[in-house]
Amino acid sequence: MYRFLLSRQWVILTLVALALIPTMIELGFWQLHRHQHKVALNRVIADSLAAEPVPAESLTAPGAEVKDADLYRRVTARGRFDTAREVVVRRRTNADDRIGFHVLTPFVLTDGKILLVNRGWIPADGPSQTAFPKIPPPPRGEITVTGRLMADQTTAASGIKDKTGLPDRQIMLINSRQEAERLGGQVLGGYIDMTEPRPRGATPQPIAAPDHDDIGPHMAYAVQWWLFAGAVPVGWVVLARREARDRAAAEEKDDESSQAAPAPV
């Protein structure tokens, strides 16, 4: 009755089903791991934002990488802004999805080291984004800044291609190693999104605090993939039984036709 399972069509269908089951199970675990990573990251962000500010040099140093546990940690630094070597980061959006720049200003500490400070977002002067925009100046003289510590941006992590040949004083990614080469000094690893002092006239627009409440749909996707994996063998059985039933009905109909046919004269 089920000899049709040895046919070429059903052998291929069975092999495909057998391959889909472990693949879908693995995709489910992949989404589960993404969910767990998101939950852990949210916990780090919440703890970092709630912690008291600490000196930036207690968490990072020239050439160092910002640890995951220190991401978004509020840090402080004492020094002065070096606007002569300020650059802008291309194609960055604000809360309204308008395209503009992030303003990256070197902040020279009292010991001579440099902390990269993202002062916020400004709109582009024109659609080409080739001209260096007009940027409101930061406070002059020696001040204390506060901001959220961020890791160096890379193409692998951000998906942004690090292009060369850009207009003068424009970059694609905030990377302390690249900036150390440009500035010719000791640059602390990572950078900060400045939160204090607040800019006059609300420009540059401060970078919004990260959302650490949303866990995303990854757990739902994981369950969905596992349901799909369970549905494959069920579907295979249903199709096989339907095929067997249809073949049995066809054979019964052929037998009835044969019995009803008149005998030859």
Protein backbone atom coordinates (compact mmCIF):
# COMPACT_ATOMS: atom_id res chain seq x y z
CA MET A 1 0.00 0.00 0.00
CA TYR A 2 2.89 2.37 0.74
CA ARG A 3 5.26 1.12 -1.93
CA PHE A 4 4.96 4.55 -3.60
CA LEU A 5 7.25 5.88 -0.84
CA LEU A 6 10.13 4.25 -2.75
CA SER A 7 9.40 6.34 -5.84
CA ARG A 8 11.88 9.06 -6.85
CA GLN A 9 9.44 11.85 -6.03
CA TRP A 10 8.76 10.61 -2.51
CA VAL A 11 12.40 9.82 -1.76
CA ILE A 12 13.34 13.42 -2.65
CA LEU A 13 10.43 14.78 -0.60
CA THR A 14 11.48 12.67 2.40
CA LEU A 15 15.11 13.79 2.18
CA VAL A 16 14.06 17.44 1.99
CA ALA A 17 11.84 16.98 5.06
CA LEU A 18 14.67 15.30 6.98
CA ALA A 19 16.98 18.21 6.11
CA LEU A 20 14.44 20.87 7.08
CA ILE A 21 13.81 19.56 10.60
CA PRO A 22 17.33 20.08 12.06
CA THR A 23 17.73 23.32 10.10
CA MET A 24 14.57 24.79 11.61
CA ILE A 25 15.54 23.60 15.09
CA GLU A 26 18.93 25.29 14.70
CA LEU A 27 17.28 28.51 13.49
CA GLY A 28 15.07 28.42 16.57
CA PHE A 29 18.11 28.18 18.87
CA TRP A 30 19.78 31.00 16.92
CA GLN A 31 16.79 33.25 17.62
CA LEU A 32 16.81 32.11 21.26
CA HIS A 33 20.46 33.13 21.60
CA ARG A 34 19.65 36.51 20.05
CA HIS A 35 16.85 36.93 22.60
CA GLN A 36 19.20 36.08 25.46
CA HIS A 37 21.82 38.51 24.12
CA LYS A 38 19.22 41.28 23.88
CA VAL A 39 18.01 40.66 27.43
CA ALA A 40 21.59 40.69 28.73
CA LEU A 41 22.39 43.88 26.81
CA ASN A 42 19.28 45.59 28.17
CA ARG A 43 20.37 44.67 31.68
CA VAL A 44 23.84 46.13 31.05
CA ILE A 45 22.34 49.34 29.64
CA ALA A 46 19.92 49.74 32.55
CA ASP A 47 22.67 49.13 35.13
CA SER A 48 25.07 51.50 33.33
CA LEU A 49 22.56 54.33 33.06
CA ALA A 50 21.60 53.97 36.73
CA ALA A 51 25.20 53.94 38.00
CA GLU A 52 26.95 57.07 39.23
CA PRO A 53 29.40 58.67 36.75
CA VAL A 54 33.05 57.65 37.04
CA PRO A 55 36.21 59.13 35.47
CA ALA A 56 36.55 58.06 31.84
CA GLU A 57 40.16 56.96 32.35
CA SER A 58 39.03 54.44 34.97
CA LEU A 59 37.23 52.45 32.24
CA THR A 60 39.27 53.06 29.10
CA ALA A 61 42.80 53.92 28.03
CA PRO A 62 44.68 54.70 24.80
CA GLY A 63 44.37 51.75 22.42
CA ALA A 64 41.95 49.89 24.70
CA GLU A 65 38.63 48.35 23.73
CA VAL A 66 35.53 49.26 25.70
CA LYS A 67 34.28 46.19 27.55
CA ASP A 68 30.70 45.05 27.04
CA ALA A 69 30.03 45.49 30.75
CA ASP A 70 31.05 49.17 30.50
CA LEU A 71 28.87 50.08 27.50
CA TYR A 72 26.66 53.13 28.12
CA ARG A 73 28.36 53.70 31.50
CA ARG A 74 28.24 57.37 32.43
CA VAL A 75 31.73 58.84 32.63
CA THR A 76 33.22 62.26 33.27
CA ALA A 77 36.35 64.02 32.05
CA ARG A 78 38.05 67.35 32.69
CA GLY A 79 39.67 69.26 29.85
CA ARG A 80 38.94 71.48 26.87
CA PHE A 81 37.45 71.05 23.41
CA ASP A 82 39.76 71.20 20.38
CA THR A 83 37.37 72.54 17.72
CA ALA A 84 40.18 73.12 15.23
CA ARG A 85 40.38 69.35 14.69
CA GLU A 86 36.64 68.70 14.86
CA VAL A 87 35.09 66.37 12.26
CA VAL A 88 31.58 65.25 11.35
CA VAL A 89 30.28 61.72 10.89
CA ARG A 90 28.30 61.33 7.68
CA ARG A 91 24.78 60.03 7.09
CA ARG A 92 23.50 59.91 10.65
CA THR A 93 19.82 60.29 11.49
CA ASN A 94 18.04 61.98 14.37
CA ALA A 95 14.87 60.91 16.19
CA ASP A 96 12.79 62.11 13.23
CA ASP A 97 14.85 60.07 10.74
CA ARG A 98 16.30 63.20 9.15
CA ILE A 99 19.73 62.64 7.65
CA GLY A 100 22.58 64.80 8.87
CA PHE A 101 25.86 64.56 10.77
CA HIS A 102 27.16 63.66 14.19
CA VAL A 103 29.66 66.19 15.52
CA LEU A 104 32.84 64.54 16.79
CA THR A 105 35.08 66.90 18.76
CA PRO A 106 38.41 65.94 20.37
CA PHE A 107 38.41 66.70 24.09
CA VAL A 108 41.95 67.24 25.41
CA LEU A 109 42.21 66.07 29.02
CA THR A 110 44.32 67.76 31.64
CA ASP A 111 46.97 65.04 31.29
CA GLY A 112 47.19 65.54 27.51
CA LYS A 113 45.27 62.45 26.45
CA ILE A 114 42.31 62.84 24.10
CA LEU A 115 38.73 61.70 24.59
CA LEU A 116 36.48 61.60 21.52
CA VAL A 117 33.19 63.35 22.23
CA ASN A 118 30.10 62.96 20.07
CA ARG A 119 28.39 66.28 20.77
CA GLY A 120 25.19 65.35 18.92
CA TRP A 121 23.33 65.59 15.62
CA ILE A 122 23.09 68.52 13.22
CA PRO A 123 21.25 68.72 9.88
CA ALA A 124 23.12 68.69 6.59
CA ASP A 125 23.36 72.06 4.81
CA GLY A 126 22.39 70.50 1.50
CA PRO A 127 21.51 67.18 -0.14
CA SER A 128 25.07 66.55 -1.34
CA GLN A 129 26.61 66.64 2.16
CA THR A 130 29.94 67.64 0.65
CA ALA A 131 30.40 71.01 2.35
CA PHE A 132 31.51 71.12 5.96
CA PRO A 133 28.44 72.22 7.94
CA LYS A 134 28.15 75.16 10.30
CA ILE A 135 28.50 73.82 13.84
CA PRO A 136 27.59 75.66 17.03
CA PRO A 137 30.72 75.92 19.19
CA PRO A 138 31.05 74.07 22.49
CA PRO A 139 31.84 75.84 25.76
CA ARG A 140 35.28 77.42 25.83
CA GLY A 141 37.99 76.89 28.37
CA GLU A 142 38.48 74.07 30.81
CA ILE A 143 35.23 72.28 31.65
CA THR A 144 33.92 68.93 32.83
CA VAL A 145 31.93 66.81 30.38
CA THR A 146 29.69 63.84 31.10
CA GLY A 147 28.58 61.23 28.61
CA ARG A 148 27.75 57.61 27.90
CA LEU A 149 30.77 55.47 27.07
CA MET A 150 30.53 53.77 23.67
CA ALA A 151 32.66 51.20 21.84
CA ASP A 152 34.54 52.01 18.65
CA GLN A 153 32.37 51.74 15.55
CA THR A 154 33.36 49.15 12.96
CA THR A 155 31.89 48.08 9.63
CA ALA A 156 31.25 44.57 10.99
CA ALA A 157 29.26 45.84 13.97
CA SER A 158 27.44 48.76 12.34
CA GLY A 159 27.01 47.62 8.75
CA ILE A 160 28.31 51.03 7.61
CA LYS A 161 31.03 50.85 4.95
CA ASP A 162 34.10 52.83 5.93
CA LYS A 163 34.65 54.79 2.71
CA THR A 164 37.76 56.70 1.75
CA GLY A 165 38.12 59.85 -0.33
CA LEU A 166 35.47 61.73 1.64
CA PRO A 167 35.19 65.53 1.74
CA ASP A 168 37.53 67.31 4.11
CA ARG A 169 36.88 66.73 7.83
CA GLN A 170 34.23 64.08 7.23
CA ILE A 171 34.33 60.45 8.36
CA MET A 172 32.00 57.45 8.22
CA LEU A 173 32.74 55.73 11.54
CA ILE A 174 33.87 56.84 14.99
CA ASN A 175 36.96 54.77 15.64
CA SER A 176 39.55 55.78 18.23
CA ARG A 177 42.44 54.01 16.47
CA GLN A 178 41.79 55.86 13.22
CA GLU A 179 41.39 59.14 15.06
CA ALA A 180 44.66 58.54 16.94
CA GLU A 181 46.46 58.38 13.59
CA ARG A 182 44.76 61.56 12.40
CA LEU A 183 45.28 63.49 15.63
CA GLY A 184 48.74 62.17 16.35
CA GLY A 185 48.12 61.75 20.06
CA GLN A 186 47.04 59.33 22.75
CA VAL A 187 43.32 58.76 22.18
CA LEU A 188 41.26 56.86 24.73
CA GLY A 189 39.55 53.76 23.32
CA GLY A 190 35.93 54.26 22.34
CA TYR A 191 34.13 57.59 22.62
CA ILE A 192 31.28 59.19 24.57
CA ASP A 193 27.84 60.48 23.62
CA MET A 194 27.85 63.75 25.54
CA THR A 195 24.98 64.43 27.94
CA GLU A 196 26.43 67.37 29.93
CA PRO A 197 26.80 70.27 29.51
CA ARG A 198 23.65 70.68 27.45
CA PRO A 199 24.14 72.69 24.24
CA ARG A 200 22.76 76.19 23.95
CA GLY A 201 19.77 76.40 21.64
CA ALA A 202 19.38 72.60 21.73
CA THR A 203 21.87 72.16 18.89
CA PRO A 204 23.68 69.94 18.24
CA GLN A 205 20.80 67.69 19.22
CA PRO A 206 21.97 65.38 22.04
CA ILE A 207 22.03 61.68 21.24
CA ALA A 208 18.99 60.01 22.78
CA ALA A 209 19.51 57.45 25.53
CA PRO A 210 19.26 53.86 24.28
CA ASP A 211 15.99 52.00 24.63
CA HIS A 212 16.51 49.14 27.09
CA ASP A 213 12.90 48.00 27.49
CA ASP A 214 12.31 46.42 24.09
CA ILE A 215 13.42 42.78 23.87
CA GLY A 216 12.39 42.35 20.25
CA PRO A 217 10.56 39.45 18.57
CA HIS A 218 13.39 36.92 18.78
CA MET A 219 11.69 34.60 21.29
CA ALA A 220 8.52 34.54 19.19
CA TYR A 221 10.63 33.71 16.12
CA ALA A 222 12.35 30.89 18.01
CA VAL A 223 9.02 29.31 18.97
CA GLN A 224 7.82 29.78 15.40
CA TRP A 225 10.80 27.91 13.95
CA TRP A 226 10.34 25.04 16.40
CA LEU A 227 6.65 24.81 15.51
CA PHE A 228 7.64 24.65 11.85
CA ALA A 229 10.10 21.85 12.67
CA GLY A 230 7.31 19.89 14.39
CA ALA A 231 4.92 20.54 11.51
CA VAL A 232 7.24 19.00 8.92
CA PRO A 233 6.88 15.33 10.01
CA VAL A 234 3.17 15.83 10.67
CA GLY A 235 2.75 17.25 7.19
CA TRP A 236 4.77 14.40 5.70
CA VAL A 237 2.51 11.81 7.38
CA VAL A 238 -0.66 13.61 6.24
CA LEU A 239 0.59 13.76 2.64
CA ALA A 240 1.64 10.09 2.68
CA ARG A 241 -1.73 8.93 4.04
CA ARG A 242 -3.58 11.08 1.52
CA GLU A 243 -1.48 9.66 -1.30
CA ALA A 244 -2.15 6.10 -0.09
CA ARG A 245 -5.88 6.80 0.17
CA ASP A 246 -6.03 8.34 -3.29
CA ARG A 247 -4.13 5.42 -4.81
CA ALA A 248 -6.39 2.88 -3.08
CA ALA A 249 -9.48 4.71 -4.35
CA ALA A 250 -8.07 4.79 -7.88
CA GLU A 251 -7.31 1.06 -7.79
CA GLU A 252 -10.81 0.28 -6.47
CA LYS A 253 -12.35 2.35 -9.25
CA ASP A 254 -10.26 0.52 -11.86
CA ASP A 255 -11.41 -2.86 -10.44
CA GLU A 256 -15.06 -1.79 -10.59
CA SER A 257 -14.63 -0.63 -14.19
CA SER A 258 -13.06 -3.92 -15.12
CA GLN A 259 -15.89 -5.93 -13.56
CA ALA A 260 -18.58 -3.80 -15.26
CA ALA A 261 -17.06 -4.12 -18.74
CA PRO A 262 -19.01 -6.60 -21.08
CA ALA A 263 -17.35 -9.84 -22.01
CA PRO A 264 -16.09 -10.04 -25.62
CA VAL A 265 -18.30 -11.95 -28.12
